């Protein structure tokens, strides 16, 4: 079996050395190069075969965003799959990374073995070509990161209010599962209080976010998350069903 060719780009020498050590222990992975800025990474990609790029966002000379955008504009037939590994956890950064071509968005501090798992996931023959795909339980992910990955894989844009209301509702149910049984009296008002708005606006915005996901036809990614066909495009869940579905999954992952 051919080895997976990996390029590391991170201005932190400690991060590079840690990942280099882990990757070099693998018989199924070849470390093509390890560089400290995006310009060097782009040069490597243009001159060598690279299957997977693991890159930070904040780097000198050329940052990770510019690197990914340059790769996207490249006329090369073969382009690497991309894992963003960063300490930046902002919705606009995640959305921009996805738009630039990121397949996974992972947060520091990280588990090196999970990085290896994501590299191998991206190079499996059956890998889906959708960005930030839902995967098996990822213990190193925070709840915020996991929810962001699920939302983005389903096509829920980070700039709409329903994205933020829905994320807060799911987190609330993860921490207090009983609130899903009082969605109108407790859950919506709790989210509304957090964002200084009304419960009815929270309900409508969450409904809109789910409608957007279904209209974009990304329902299969939700089925991929659970490993079975739960929904079809014509079978749209209620707000409560959707919140409970994702929250239950996160609770299972956290206790695994």
Protein backbone atom coordinates (compact mmCIF):
# COMPACT_ATOMS: atom_id res chain seq x y z
CA UNK A 1 0.00 0.00 0.00
CA UNK A 2 1.33 3.48 -0.90
CA UNK A 3 2.24 5.72 1.97
CA UNK A 4 0.21 8.87 2.66
CA UNK A 5 2.42 11.85 1.89
CA UNK A 6 2.03 14.58 4.53
CA UNK A 7 3.29 18.16 4.71
CA UNK A 8 3.36 20.09 8.01
CA UNK A 9 3.17 23.90 8.10
CA UNK A 10 3.35 25.59 11.51
CA UNK A 11 5.54 28.38 12.86
CA UNK A 12 5.76 26.59 16.23
CA UNK A 13 8.86 24.41 16.30
CA UNK A 14 7.45 22.48 19.27
CA UNK A 15 4.28 21.58 17.34
CA UNK A 16 6.25 20.52 14.29
CA UNK A 17 8.67 18.40 16.29
CA UNK A 18 5.86 16.65 18.15
CA UNK A 19 3.95 15.80 14.99
CA UNK A 20 7.11 14.89 13.09
CA UNK A 21 7.98 12.33 15.77
CA UNK A 22 4.52 10.76 15.64
CA UNK A 23 4.34 10.67 11.84
CA UNK A 24 7.81 9.15 11.46
CA UNK A 25 6.74 6.24 13.62
CA UNK A 26 4.03 5.34 11.10
CA UNK A 27 4.80 2.83 8.37
CA UNK A 28 1.80 4.06 6.34
CA UNK A 29 2.74 7.78 6.37
CA UNK A 30 5.63 9.62 4.73
CA UNK A 31 6.56 13.07 6.04
CA UNK A 32 7.33 15.01 2.86
CA UNK A 33 8.50 18.15 4.64
CA UNK A 34 7.97 20.33 7.70
CA UNK A 35 8.02 24.11 7.26
CA UNK A 36 7.33 27.20 9.35
CA UNK A 37 5.43 29.42 6.91
CA UNK A 38 2.83 29.25 4.17
CA UNK A 39 5.14 30.40 1.37
CA UNK A 40 7.49 27.47 1.97
CA UNK A 41 4.51 25.11 2.17
CA UNK A 42 3.19 26.35 -1.18
CA UNK A 43 6.60 25.82 -2.77
CA UNK A 44 6.71 22.24 -1.49
CA UNK A 45 3.20 21.55 -2.82
CA UNK A 46 4.18 22.92 -6.23
CA UNK A 47 7.29 20.75 -6.49
CA UNK A 48 6.42 17.54 -4.65
CA UNK A 49 3.50 15.15 -4.32
CA UNK A 50 1.54 15.92 -1.15
CA UNK A 51 -1.61 14.03 -0.16
CA UNK A 52 -2.46 15.88 3.07
CA UNK A 53 -1.45 19.32 4.31
CA UNK A 54 -1.64 19.98 8.07
CA UNK A 55 -1.42 23.73 8.53
CA UNK A 56 -1.73 26.43 11.15
CA UNK A 57 -3.51 29.67 10.29
CA UNK A 58 -1.19 32.23 11.88
CA UNK A 59 2.22 31.99 10.20
CA UNK A 60 4.80 34.49 8.88
CA UNK A 61 5.34 35.39 5.21
CA UNK A 62 2.08 33.70 4.12
CA UNK A 63 -0.66 32.72 6.57
CA UNK A 64 -2.79 29.59 6.40
CA UNK A 65 -5.73 31.33 4.74
CA UNK A 66 -3.56 32.70 1.93
CA UNK A 67 -1.92 29.28 1.57
CA UNK A 68 -5.25 27.49 1.17
CA UNK A 69 -6.55 30.12 -1.25
CA UNK A 70 -3.39 29.77 -3.34
CA UNK A 71 -3.81 26.00 -3.43
CA UNK A 72 -7.44 26.42 -4.47
CA UNK A 73 -6.45 28.73 -7.34
CA UNK A 74 -3.68 26.41 -8.49
CA UNK A 75 -4.07 24.70 -11.85
CA UNK A 76 -2.32 21.58 -10.61
CA UNK A 77 -4.51 18.54 -11.17
CA UNK A 78 -3.56 17.05 -7.81
CA UNK A 79 -4.27 19.14 -4.72
CA UNK A 80 -3.73 18.03 -1.12
CA UNK A 81 -6.55 17.52 1.35
CA UNK A 82 -6.25 20.06 4.16
CA UNK A 83 -6.40 19.85 7.95
CA UNK A 84 -6.33 23.17 9.79
CA UNK A 85 -4.69 22.87 13.20
CA UNK A 86 -5.00 26.12 15.12
CA UNK A 87 -5.66 27.78 18.46
CA UNK A 88 -8.20 30.12 16.85
CA UNK A 89 -11.82 29.21 17.60
CA UNK A 90 -14.04 31.79 15.94
CA UNK A 91 -17.02 31.10 13.73
CA UNK A 92 -15.82 33.49 11.02
CA UNK A 93 -12.40 31.84 10.92
CA UNK A 94 -13.99 28.40 10.63
CA UNK A 95 -16.27 29.57 7.83
CA UNK A 96 -13.40 31.22 5.98
CA UNK A 97 -11.25 28.08 6.34
CA UNK A 98 -14.04 25.92 4.94
CA UNK A 99 -14.55 28.29 2.02
CA UNK A 100 -10.80 28.17 1.35
CA UNK A 101 -10.82 24.38 1.14
CA UNK A 102 -10.26 22.98 4.65
CA UNK A 103 -11.51 19.43 5.19
CA UNK A 104 -11.07 19.46 8.97
CA UNK A 105 -10.74 22.27 11.50
CA UNK A 106 -8.98 21.08 14.67
CA UNK A 107 -8.12 23.07 17.79
CA UNK A 108 -4.95 23.28 19.83
CA UNK A 109 -4.17 21.77 22.26
CA UNK A 110 -4.59 18.58 20.28
CA UNK A 111 -4.05 14.86 20.52
CA UNK A 112 -1.36 13.87 17.96
CA UNK A 113 -3.00 10.48 17.46
CA UNK A 114 -6.27 12.17 16.50
CA UNK A 115 -4.37 14.21 13.91
CA UNK A 116 -3.01 10.93 12.50
CA UNK A 117 -6.54 9.49 12.45
CA UNK A 118 -7.86 12.50 10.54
CA UNK A 119 -5.01 12.22 8.02
CA UNK A 120 -5.88 8.59 7.37
CA UNK A 121 -9.61 9.38 7.24
CA UNK A 122 -8.99 11.84 4.42
CA UNK A 123 -7.10 9.29 2.35
CA UNK A 124 -9.46 6.35 2.66
CA UNK A 125 -10.97 5.37 -0.70
CA UNK A 126 -14.50 5.78 0.68
CA UNK A 127 -13.84 9.23 2.15
CA UNK A 128 -16.62 11.71 1.38
CA UNK A 129 -15.48 14.89 -0.37
CA UNK A 130 -17.52 17.17 1.87
CA UNK A 131 -15.74 19.70 4.12
CA UNK A 132 -15.46 19.15 7.84
CA UNK A 133 -17.23 15.80 7.67
CA UNK A 134 -18.79 14.33 10.83
CA UNK A 135 -16.69 11.42 12.03
CA UNK A 136 -16.45 8.87 14.80
CA UNK A 137 -16.07 10.20 18.37
CA UNK A 138 -13.22 12.69 18.67
CA UNK A 139 -12.28 12.96 22.37
CA UNK A 140 -9.88 15.86 21.75
CA UNK A 141 -12.63 18.11 20.36
CA UNK A 142 -14.45 20.60 22.53
CA UNK A 143 -18.25 20.68 22.36
CA UNK A 144 -18.04 24.01 20.50
CA UNK A 145 -15.67 22.56 17.92
CA UNK A 146 -17.74 19.43 17.44
CA UNK A 147 -20.97 21.40 16.97
CA UNK A 148 -19.23 23.78 14.55
CA UNK A 149 -17.99 20.84 12.47
CA UNK A 150 -21.47 19.29 12.36
CA UNK A 151 -23.15 22.58 11.40
CA UNK A 152 -20.66 23.40 8.70
CA UNK A 153 -20.78 19.93 7.19
CA UNK A 154 -24.56 20.33 6.94
CA UNK A 155 -24.28 23.76 5.34
CA UNK A 156 -25.58 25.89 8.22
CA UNK A 157 -23.80 29.23 7.69
CA UNK A 158 -22.09 30.76 10.71
CA UNK A 159 -23.34 34.28 10.01
CA UNK A 160 -27.06 33.63 10.62
CA UNK A 161 -28.59 34.07 14.06
CA UNK A 162 -30.05 30.58 14.06
CA UNK A 163 -26.53 29.11 13.96
CA UNK A 164 -25.65 30.70 17.30
CA UNK A 165 -29.06 30.06 18.89
CA UNK A 166 -28.99 26.42 17.79
CA UNK A 167 -25.47 25.91 19.09
CA UNK A 168 -26.39 27.38 22.48
CA UNK A 169 -29.54 25.25 22.65
CA UNK A 170 -27.59 22.05 21.94
CA UNK A 171 -24.94 22.92 24.54
CA UNK A 172 -27.68 23.59 27.09
CA UNK A 173 -29.29 20.21 26.43
CA UNK A 174 -25.90 18.47 26.61
CA UNK A 175 -25.37 19.96 30.08
CA UNK A 176 -28.99 19.53 31.19
CA UNK A 177 -30.85 16.91 29.11
CA UNK A 178 -34.17 17.55 30.88
CA UNK A 179 -34.50 20.96 29.22
CA UNK A 180 -35.38 19.29 25.91
CA UNK A 181 -38.67 18.22 27.53
CA UNK A 182 -39.52 21.86 28.21
CA UNK A 183 -38.29 23.42 25.00
CA UNK A 184 -40.86 26.23 24.91
CA UNK A 185 -40.95 27.05 28.63
CA UNK A 186 -37.26 26.59 29.49
CA UNK A 187 -34.90 26.05 26.58
CA UNK A 188 -35.94 28.87 24.24
CA UNK A 189 -36.17 31.41 27.09
CA UNK A 190 -32.73 30.36 28.38
CA UNK A 191 -31.15 30.87 24.95
CA UNK A 192 -33.07 34.13 24.49
CA UNK A 193 -31.75 35.46 27.80
CA UNK A 194 -28.19 34.65 26.76
CA UNK A 195 -28.56 36.67 23.55
CA UNK A 196 -30.87 39.38 24.92
CA UNK A 197 -33.74 38.53 22.60
CA UNK A 198 -37.15 36.85 22.78
CA UNK A 199 -37.97 33.14 22.92
CA UNK A 200 -40.13 33.42 19.82
CA UNK A 201 -37.25 34.91 17.82
CA UNK A 202 -35.00 32.08 19.02
CA UNK A 203 -37.54 29.50 17.84
CA UNK A 204 -37.93 31.12 14.41
CA UNK A 205 -34.20 31.56 13.89
CA UNK A 206 -33.47 27.92 14.78
CA UNK A 207 -36.22 26.83 12.39
CA UNK A 208 -34.61 28.92 9.67
CA UNK A 209 -31.16 27.38 10.31
CA UNK A 210 -32.58 23.87 9.94
CA UNK A 211 -34.49 24.92 6.82
CA UNK A 212 -31.24 26.24 5.30
CA UNK A 213 -29.46 22.95 5.98
CA UNK A 214 -32.23 20.96 4.33
CA UNK A 215 -32.47 23.30 1.35
CA UNK A 216 -28.76 22.85 0.70
CA UNK A 217 -29.16 19.12 0.42
CA UNK A 218 -26.55 18.20 3.04
CA UNK A 219 -28.84 15.78 4.86
CA UNK A 220 -26.63 12.82 3.99
CA UNK A 221 -23.88 14.29 6.17
CA UNK A 222 -26.19 14.00 9.17
CA UNK A 223 -26.80 10.36 8.33
CA UNK A 224 -23.04 9.88 8.02
CA UNK A 225 -22.64 11.24 11.55
CA UNK A 226 -24.87 8.53 12.95
CA UNK A 227 -23.77 5.78 10.62
CA UNK A 228 -27.30 5.08 9.42
CA UNK A 229 -30.02 6.67 7.30
CA UNK A 230 -32.06 8.67 9.80
CA UNK A 231 -33.41 11.37 7.50
CA UNK A 232 -34.10 11.95 3.84
CA UNK A 233 -34.43 15.37 2.22
CA UNK A 234 -38.21 15.33 2.46
CA UNK A 235 -38.19 14.29 6.13
CA UNK A 236 -37.26 17.45 8.03
CA UNK A 237 -37.07 17.25 11.86
CA UNK A 238 -38.69 19.65 14.28
CA UNK A 239 -36.45 22.01 16.23
CA UNK A 240 -36.67 19.77 19.28
CA UNK A 241 -35.90 16.60 17.33
CA UNK A 242 -32.83 18.14 15.73
CA UNK A 243 -31.50 19.58 18.99
CA UNK A 244 -32.05 16.29 20.83
CA UNK A 245 -30.43 14.29 18.04
CA UNK A 246 -27.17 16.25 18.05
CA UNK A 247 -27.10 16.66 21.84
CA UNK A 248 -27.58 12.93 22.42
CA UNK A 249 -24.70 12.20 20.06
CA UNK A 250 -22.40 14.62 21.88
CA UNK A 251 -23.33 13.14 25.27
CA UNK A 252 -22.51 9.64 23.98
CA UNK A 253 -19.16 10.82 22.60
CA UNK A 254 -18.26 12.61 25.82
CA UNK A 255 -18.95 9.51 27.90
CA UNK A 256 -17.20 7.11 25.50
